[in-house]
């Protein structure tokens, strides 16, 4: 869980703008 959480937290460093926007929507739905 900690590894997955770290990967999610660092997503803005390696993810594209589209992935980040999708991530915001998904996180808020969660």
ModelCIF file with pLDDT and N, C-alpha, C, O atoms, coordinates in Angstrom:
data_MODEL
#
_entry.id   MODEL 
#
_entity.id                         1 
_entity.type                       polymer 
_entity.pdbx_number_of_molecules   1 
#
_entity_poly.entity_id                      1 
_entity_poly.type                           'polypeptide(L)' 
_entity_poly.nstd_linkage                   no 
_entity_poly.nstd_monomer                   no 
_entity_poly.pdbx_seq_one_letter_code       
;(UNK)(UNK)(UNK)(UNK)(UNK)(UNK)(UNK)(UNK)(UNK)(UNK)(UNK)(UNK)(UNK)(UNK)(UNK)(UNK)
(UNK)(UNK)(UNK)(UNK)(UNK)(UNK)(UNK)(UNK)(UNK)(UNK)(UNK)(UNK)(UNK)(UNK)
;
_entity_poly.pdbx_seq_one_letter_code_can   XXXXXXXXXXXXXXXXXXXXXXXXXXXXXX 
_entity_poly.pdbx_strand_id                 A 
#
loop_
_entity_poly_seq.entity_id 
_entity_poly_seq.num 
_entity_poly_seq.mon_id 
_entity_poly_seq.hetero 
1 1  UNK n 
1 2  UNK n 
1 3  UNK n 
1 4  UNK n 
1 5  UNK n 
1 6  UNK n 
1 7  UNK n 
1 8  UNK n 
1 9  UNK n 
1 10 UNK n 
1 11 UNK n 
1 12 UNK n 
1 13 UNK n 
1 14 UNK n 
1 15 UNK n 
1 16 UNK n 
1 17 UNK n 
1 18 UNK n 
1 19 UNK n 
1 20 UNK n 
1 21 UNK n 
1 22 UNK n 
1 23 UNK n 
1 24 UNK n 
1 25 UNK n 
1 26 UNK n 
1 27 UNK n 
1 28 UNK n 
1 29 UNK n 
1 30 UNK n 
#
_struct_asym.id          A 
_struct_asym.entity_id   1 
#
loop_
_ma_qa_metric.id 
_ma_qa_metric.mode 
_ma_qa_metric.name 
_ma_qa_metric.software_group_id 
_ma_qa_metric.type 
1 global pLDDT . pLDDT 
2 local  pLDDT . pLDDT 
#
_ma_qa_metric_global.metric_id      1 
_ma_qa_metric_global.metric_value   92.70 
_ma_qa_metric_global.model_id       1 
_ma_qa_metric_global.ordinal_id     1 
#
loop_
_ma_qa_metric_local.label_asym_id 
_ma_qa_metric_local.label_comp_id 
_ma_qa_metric_local.label_seq_id 
_ma_qa_metric_local.metric_id 
_ma_qa_metric_local.metric_value 
_ma_qa_metric_local.model_id 
_ma_qa_metric_local.ordinal_id 
A UNK 1  2 87.00 1 1  
A UNK 2  2 89.00 1 2  
A UNK 3  2 91.00 1 3  
A UNK 4  2 91.00 1 4  
A UNK 5  2 91.00 1 5  
A UNK 6  2 92.00 1 6  
A UNK 7  2 92.00 1 7  
A UNK 8  2 92.00 1 8  
A UNK 9  2 92.00 1 9  
A UNK 10 2 93.00 1 10 
A UNK 11 2 92.00 1 11 
A UNK 12 2 92.00 1 12 
A UNK 13 2 91.00 1 13 
A UNK 14 2 89.00 1 14 
A UNK 15 2 87.00 1 15 
A UNK 16 2 90.00 1 16 
A UNK 17 2 92.00 1 17 
A UNK 18 2 91.00 1 18 
A UNK 19 2 94.00 1 19 
A UNK 20 2 95.00 1 20 
A UNK 21 2 95.00 1 21 
A UNK 22 2 95.00 1 22 
A UNK 23 2 96.00 1 23 
A UNK 24 2 96.00 1 24 
A UNK 25 2 95.00 1 25 
A UNK 26 2 96.00 1 26 
A UNK 27 2 97.00 1 27 
A UNK 28 2 96.00 1 28 
A UNK 29 2 96.00 1 29 
A UNK 30 2 96.00 1 30 
#
loop_
_atom_site.group_PDB 
_atom_site.id 
_atom_site.type_symbol 
_atom_site.label_atom_id 
_atom_site.label_alt_id 
_atom_site.label_comp_id 
_atom_site.label_asym_id 
_atom_site.label_entity_id 
_atom_site.label_seq_id 
_atom_site.pdbx_PDB_ins_code 
_atom_site.Cartn_x 
_atom_site.Cartn_y 
_atom_site.Cartn_z 
_atom_site.occupancy 
_atom_site.B_iso_or_equiv 
_atom_site.pdbx_formal_charge 
_atom_site.auth_seq_id 
_atom_site.auth_comp_id 
_atom_site.auth_asym_id 
_atom_site.auth_atom_id 
_atom_site.pdbx_PDB_model_num 
ATOM 1   N N  . UNK A 1 1  ? 0.833   -1.208 0.000   1.00 87.00 ? 1  UNK A N  1 
ATOM 2   C CA . UNK A 1 1  ? 0.000   0.000  0.000   1.00 87.00 ? 1  UNK A CA 1 
ATOM 3   C C  . UNK A 1 1  ? 0.863   1.251  0.000   1.00 87.00 ? 1  UNK A C  1 
ATOM 4   O O  . UNK A 1 1  ? 0.560   2.216  -0.702  1.00 87.00 ? 1  UNK A O  1 
ATOM 5   N N  . UNK A 1 2  ? 1.946   1.241  0.788   1.00 89.00 ? 2  UNK A N  1 
ATOM 6   C CA . UNK A 1 2  ? 2.832   2.399  0.851   1.00 89.00 ? 2  UNK A CA 1 
ATOM 7   C C  . UNK A 1 2  ? 3.531   2.640  -0.489  1.00 89.00 ? 2  UNK A C  1 
ATOM 8   O O  . UNK A 1 2  ? 3.706   3.785  -0.905  1.00 89.00 ? 2  UNK A O  1 
ATOM 9   N N  . UNK A 1 3  ? 3.930   1.559  -1.161  1.00 91.00 ? 3  UNK A N  1 
ATOM 10  C CA . UNK A 1 3  ? 4.569   1.692  -2.469  1.00 91.00 ? 3  UNK A CA 1 
ATOM 11  C C  . UNK A 1 3  ? 3.591   2.281  -3.486  1.00 91.00 ? 3  UNK A C  1 
ATOM 12  O O  . UNK A 1 3  ? 3.947   3.182  -4.246  1.00 91.00 ? 3  UNK A O  1 
ATOM 13  N N  . UNK A 1 4  ? 2.367   1.771  -3.497  1.00 91.00 ? 4  UNK A N  1 
ATOM 14  C CA . UNK A 1 4  ? 1.347   2.296  -4.409  1.00 91.00 ? 4  UNK A CA 1 
ATOM 15  C C  . UNK A 1 4  ? 1.041   3.754  -4.103  1.00 91.00 ? 4  UNK A C  1 
ATOM 16  O O  . UNK A 1 4  ? 0.859   4.559  -5.017  1.00 91.00 ? 4  UNK A O  1 
ATOM 17  N N  . UNK A 1 5  ? 0.982   4.097  -2.814  1.00 91.00 ? 5  UNK A N  1 
ATOM 18  C CA . UNK A 1 5  ? 0.705   5.480  -2.421  1.00 91.00 ? 5  UNK A CA 1 
ATOM 19  C C  . UNK A 1 5  ? 1.837   6.400  -2.868  1.00 91.00 ? 5  UNK A C  1 
ATOM 20  O O  . UNK A 1 5  ? 1.587   7.515  -3.326  1.00 91.00 ? 5  UNK A O  1 
ATOM 21  N N  . UNK A 1 6  ? 3.081   5.938  -2.737  1.00 92.00 ? 6  UNK A N  1 
ATOM 22  C CA . UNK A 1 6  ? 4.220   6.742  -3.182  1.00 92.00 ? 6  UNK A CA 1 
ATOM 23  C C  . UNK A 1 6  ? 4.189   6.945  -4.694  1.00 92.00 ? 6  UNK A C  1 
ATOM 24  O O  . UNK A 1 6  ? 4.487   8.031  -5.190  1.00 92.00 ? 6  UNK A O  1 
ATOM 25  N N  . UNK A 1 7  ? 3.823   5.877  -5.426  1.00 92.00 ? 7  UNK A N  1 
ATOM 26  C CA . UNK A 1 7  ? 3.730   5.990  -6.882  1.00 92.00 ? 7  UNK A CA 1 
ATOM 27  C C  . UNK A 1 7  ? 2.650   6.990  -7.285  1.00 92.00 ? 7  UNK A C  1 
ATOM 28  O O  . UNK A 1 7  ? 2.832   7.760  -8.228  1.00 92.00 ? 7  UNK A O  1 
ATOM 29  N N  . UNK A 1 8  ? 1.541   6.977  -6.577  1.00 92.00 ? 8  UNK A N  1 
ATOM 30  C CA . UNK A 1 8  ? 0.467   7.936  -6.863  1.00 92.00 ? 8  UNK A CA 1 
ATOM 31  C C  . UNK A 1 8  ? 0.899   9.355  -6.520  1.00 92.00 ? 8  UNK A C  1 
ATOM 32  O O  . UNK A 1 8  ? 0.616   10.289 -7.269  1.00 92.00 ? 8  UNK A O  1 
ATOM 33  N N  . UNK A 1 9  ? 1.583   9.522  -5.391  1.00 92.00 ? 9  UNK A N  1 
ATOM 34  C CA . UNK A 1 9  ? 2.002   10.861 -4.964  1.00 92.00 ? 9  UNK A CA 1 
ATOM 35  C C  . UNK A 1 9  ? 3.003   11.471 -5.931  1.00 92.00 ? 9  UNK A C  1 
ATOM 36  O O  . UNK A 1 9  ? 3.028   12.689 -6.107  1.00 92.00 ? 9  UNK A O  1 
ATOM 37  N N  . UNK A 1 10 ? 3.833   10.636 -6.563  1.00 93.00 ? 10 UNK A N  1 
ATOM 38  C CA . UNK A 1 10 ? 4.862   11.136 -7.476  1.00 93.00 ? 10 UNK A CA 1 
ATOM 39  C C  . UNK A 1 10 ? 4.383   11.204 -8.924  1.00 93.00 ? 10 UNK A C  1 
ATOM 40  O O  . UNK A 1 10 ? 5.162   11.545 -9.814  1.00 93.00 ? 10 UNK A O  1 
ATOM 41  N N  . UNK A 1 11 ? 3.116   10.886 -9.168  1.00 92.00 ? 11 UNK A N  1 
ATOM 42  C CA . UNK A 1 11 ? 2.596   10.870 -10.535 1.00 92.00 ? 11 UNK A CA 1 
ATOM 43  C C  . UNK A 1 11 ? 2.800   12.193 -11.283 1.00 92.00 ? 11 UNK A C  1 
ATOM 44  O O  . UNK A 1 11 ? 3.147   12.163 -12.463 1.00 92.00 ? 11 UNK A O  1 
ATOM 45  N N  . UNK A 1 12 ? 2.597   13.363 -10.640 1.00 92.00 ? 12 UNK A N  1 
ATOM 46  C CA . UNK A 1 12 ? 2.827   14.628 -11.379 1.00 92.00 ? 12 UNK A CA 1 
ATOM 47  C C  . UNK A 1 12 ? 4.244   14.800 -11.912 1.00 92.00 ? 12 UNK A C  1 
ATOM 48  O O  . UNK A 1 12 ? 4.469   15.608 -12.813 1.00 92.00 ? 12 UNK A O  1 
ATOM 49  N N  . UNK A 1 13 ? 5.205   14.048 -11.368 1.00 91.00 ? 13 UNK A N  1 
ATOM 50  C CA . UNK A 1 13 ? 6.589   14.191 -11.824 1.00 91.00 ? 13 UNK A CA 1 
ATOM 51  C C  . UNK A 1 13 ? 6.848   13.452 -13.134 1.00 91.00 ? 13 UNK A C  1 
ATOM 52  O O  . UNK A 1 13 ? 7.726   13.835 -13.908 1.00 91.00 ? 13 UNK A O  1 
ATOM 53  N N  . UNK A 1 14 ? 6.071   12.383 -13.377 1.00 89.00 ? 14 UNK A N  1 
ATOM 54  C CA . UNK A 1 14 ? 6.331   11.591 -14.584 1.00 89.00 ? 14 UNK A CA 1 
ATOM 55  C C  . UNK A 1 14 ? 5.101   11.414 -15.471 1.00 89.00 ? 14 UNK A C  1 
ATOM 56  O O  . UNK A 1 14 ? 5.211   10.876 -16.573 1.00 89.00 ? 14 UNK A O  1 
ATOM 57  N N  . UNK A 1 15 ? 3.938   11.856 -15.010 1.00 87.00 ? 15 UNK A N  1 
ATOM 58  C CA . UNK A 1 15 ? 2.726   11.700 -15.801 1.00 87.00 ? 15 UNK A CA 1 
ATOM 59  C C  . UNK A 1 15 ? 2.464   12.887 -16.711 1.00 87.00 ? 15 UNK A C  1 
ATOM 60  O O  . UNK A 1 15 ? 2.890   14.006 -16.426 1.00 87.00 ? 15 UNK A O  1 
ATOM 61  N N  . UNK A 1 16 ? 1.760   12.636 -17.809 1.00 90.00 ? 16 UNK A N  1 
ATOM 62  C CA . UNK A 1 16 ? 1.390   13.703 -18.730 1.00 90.00 ? 16 UNK A CA 1 
ATOM 63  C C  . UNK A 1 16 ? 0.251   14.531 -18.150 1.00 90.00 ? 16 UNK A C  1 
ATOM 64  O O  . UNK A 1 16 ? -0.349  14.145 -17.147 1.00 90.00 ? 16 UNK A O  1 
ATOM 65  N N  . UNK A 1 17 ? -0.050  15.660 -18.770 1.00 92.00 ? 17 UNK A N  1 
ATOM 66  C CA . UNK A 1 17 ? -1.150  16.511 -18.310 1.00 92.00 ? 17 UNK A CA 1 
ATOM 67  C C  . UNK A 1 17 ? -2.476  15.763 -18.359 1.00 92.00 ? 17 UNK A C  1 
ATOM 68  O O  . UNK A 1 17 ? -3.313  15.915 -17.469 1.00 92.00 ? 17 UNK A O  1 
ATOM 69  N N  . UNK A 1 18 ? -2.666  14.965 -19.387 1.00 91.00 ? 18 UNK A N  1 
ATOM 70  C CA . UNK A 1 18 ? -3.911  14.198 -19.520 1.00 91.00 ? 18 UNK A CA 1 
ATOM 71  C C  . UNK A 1 18 ? -4.047  13.181 -18.392 1.00 91.00 ? 18 UNK A C  1 
ATOM 72  O O  . UNK A 1 18 ? -5.130  13.019 -17.831 1.00 91.00 ? 18 UNK A O  1 
ATOM 73  N N  . UNK A 1 19 ? -2.965  12.500 -18.059 1.00 94.00 ? 19 UNK A N  1 
ATOM 74  C CA . UNK A 1 19 ? -2.985  11.518 -16.978 1.00 94.00 ? 19 UNK A CA 1 
ATOM 75  C C  . UNK A 1 19 ? -3.274  12.196 -15.640 1.00 94.00 ? 19 UNK A C  1 
ATOM 76  O O  . UNK A 1 19 ? -4.026  11.665 -14.823 1.00 94.00 ? 19 UNK A O  1 
ATOM 77  N N  . UNK A 1 20 ? -2.683  13.359 -15.417 1.00 95.00 ? 20 UNK A N  1 
ATOM 78  C CA . UNK A 1 20 ? -2.905  14.079 -14.159 1.00 95.00 ? 20 UNK A CA 1 
ATOM 79  C C  . UNK A 1 20 ? -4.361  14.510 -14.035 1.00 95.00 ? 20 UNK A C  1 
ATOM 80  O O  . UNK A 1 20 ? -4.957  14.389 -12.965 1.00 95.00 ? 20 UNK A O  1 
ATOM 81  N N  . UNK A 1 21 ? -4.936  15.013 -15.127 1.00 95.00 ? 21 UNK A N  1 
ATOM 82  C CA . UNK A 1 21 ? -6.337  15.427 -15.099 1.00 95.00 ? 21 UNK A CA 1 
ATOM 83  C C  . UNK A 1 21 ? -7.264  14.231 -14.870 1.00 95.00 ? 21 UNK A C  1 
ATOM 84  O O  . UNK A 1 21 ? -8.238  14.318 -14.122 1.00 95.00 ? 21 UNK A O  1 
ATOM 85  N N  . UNK A 1 22 ? -6.943  13.121 -15.522 1.00 95.00 ? 22 UNK A N  1 
ATOM 86  C CA . UNK A 1 22 ? -7.711  11.896 -15.276 1.00 95.00 ? 22 UNK A CA 1 
ATOM 87  C C  . UNK A 1 22 ? -7.565  11.453 -13.825 1.00 95.00 ? 22 UNK A C  1 
ATOM 88  O O  . UNK A 1 22 ? -8.521  10.982 -13.210 1.00 95.00 ? 22 UNK A O  1 
ATOM 89  N N  . UNK A 1 23 ? -6.347  11.610 -13.282 1.00 96.00 ? 23 UNK A N  1 
ATOM 90  C CA . UNK A 1 23 ? -6.108  11.236 -11.887 1.00 96.00 ? 23 UNK A CA 1 
ATOM 91  C C  . UNK A 1 23 ? -6.926  12.082 -10.927 1.00 96.00 ? 23 UNK A C  1 
ATOM 92  O O  . UNK A 1 23 ? -7.434  11.558 -9.936  1.00 96.00 ? 23 UNK A O  1 
ATOM 93  N N  . UNK A 1 24 ? -7.066  13.365 -11.189 1.00 96.00 ? 24 UNK A N  1 
ATOM 94  C CA . UNK A 1 24 ? -7.856  14.232 -10.312 1.00 96.00 ? 24 UNK A CA 1 
ATOM 95  C C  . UNK A 1 24 ? -9.307  13.769 -10.282 1.00 96.00 ? 24 UNK A C  1 
ATOM 96  O O  . UNK A 1 24 ? -9.901  13.632 -9.213  1.00 96.00 ? 24 UNK A O  1 
ATOM 97  N N  . UNK A 1 25 ? -9.870  13.529 -11.459 1.00 95.00 ? 25 UNK A N  1 
ATOM 98  C CA . UNK A 1 25 ? -11.263 13.078 -11.532 1.00 95.00 ? 25 UNK A CA 1 
ATOM 99  C C  . UNK A 1 25 ? -11.461 11.743 -10.812 1.00 95.00 ? 25 UNK A C  1 
ATOM 100 O O  . UNK A 1 25 ? -12.434 11.556 -10.082 1.00 95.00 ? 25 UNK A O  1 
ATOM 101 N N  . UNK A 1 26 ? -10.517 10.818 -11.033 1.00 96.00 ? 26 UNK A N  1 
ATOM 102 C CA . UNK A 1 26 ? -10.630 9.492  -10.423 1.00 96.00 ? 26 UNK A CA 1 
ATOM 103 C C  . UNK A 1 26 ? -10.492 9.556  -8.907  1.00 96.00 ? 26 UNK A C  1 
ATOM 104 O O  . UNK A 1 26 ? -11.243 8.897  -8.188  1.00 96.00 ? 26 UNK A O  1 
ATOM 105 N N  . UNK A 1 27 ? -9.549  10.337 -8.423  1.00 97.00 ? 27 UNK A N  1 
ATOM 106 C CA . UNK A 1 27 ? -9.343  10.463 -6.982  1.00 97.00 ? 27 UNK A CA 1 
ATOM 107 C C  . UNK A 1 27 ? -10.557 11.087 -6.303  1.00 97.00 ? 27 UNK A C  1 
ATOM 108 O O  . UNK A 1 27 ? -10.953 10.656 -5.220  1.00 97.00 ? 27 UNK A O  1 
ATOM 109 N N  . UNK A 1 28 ? -11.147 12.094 -6.931  1.00 96.00 ? 28 UNK A N  1 
ATOM 110 C CA . UNK A 1 28 ? -12.318 12.737 -6.343  1.00 96.00 ? 28 UNK A CA 1 
ATOM 111 C C  . UNK A 1 28 ? -13.517 11.785 -6.339  1.00 96.00 ? 28 UNK A C  1 
ATOM 112 O O  . UNK A 1 28 ? -14.299 11.776 -5.388  1.00 96.00 ? 28 UNK A O  1 
ATOM 113 N N  . UNK A 1 29 ? -13.663 10.986 -7.398  1.00 96.00 ? 29 UNK A N  1 
ATOM 114 C CA . UNK A 1 29 ? -14.730 9.980  -7.401  1.00 96.00 ? 29 UNK A CA 1 
ATOM 115 C C  . UNK A 1 29 ? -14.498 8.934  -6.315  1.00 96.00 ? 29 UNK A C  1 
ATOM 116 O O  . UNK A 1 29 ? -15.447 8.464  -5.687  1.00 96.00 ? 29 UNK A O  1 
ATOM 117 N N  . UNK A 1 30 ? -13.236 8.572  -6.097  1.00 96.00 ? 30 UNK A N  1 
ATOM 118 C CA . UNK A 1 30 ? -12.918 7.615  -5.034  1.00 96.00 ? 30 UNK A CA 1 
ATOM 119 C C  . UNK A 1 30 ? -13.248 8.196  -3.664  1.00 96.00 ? 30 UNK A C  1 
ATOM 120 O O  . UNK A 1 30 ? -13.047 7.532  -2.647  1.00 96.00 ? 30 UNK A O  1 
#
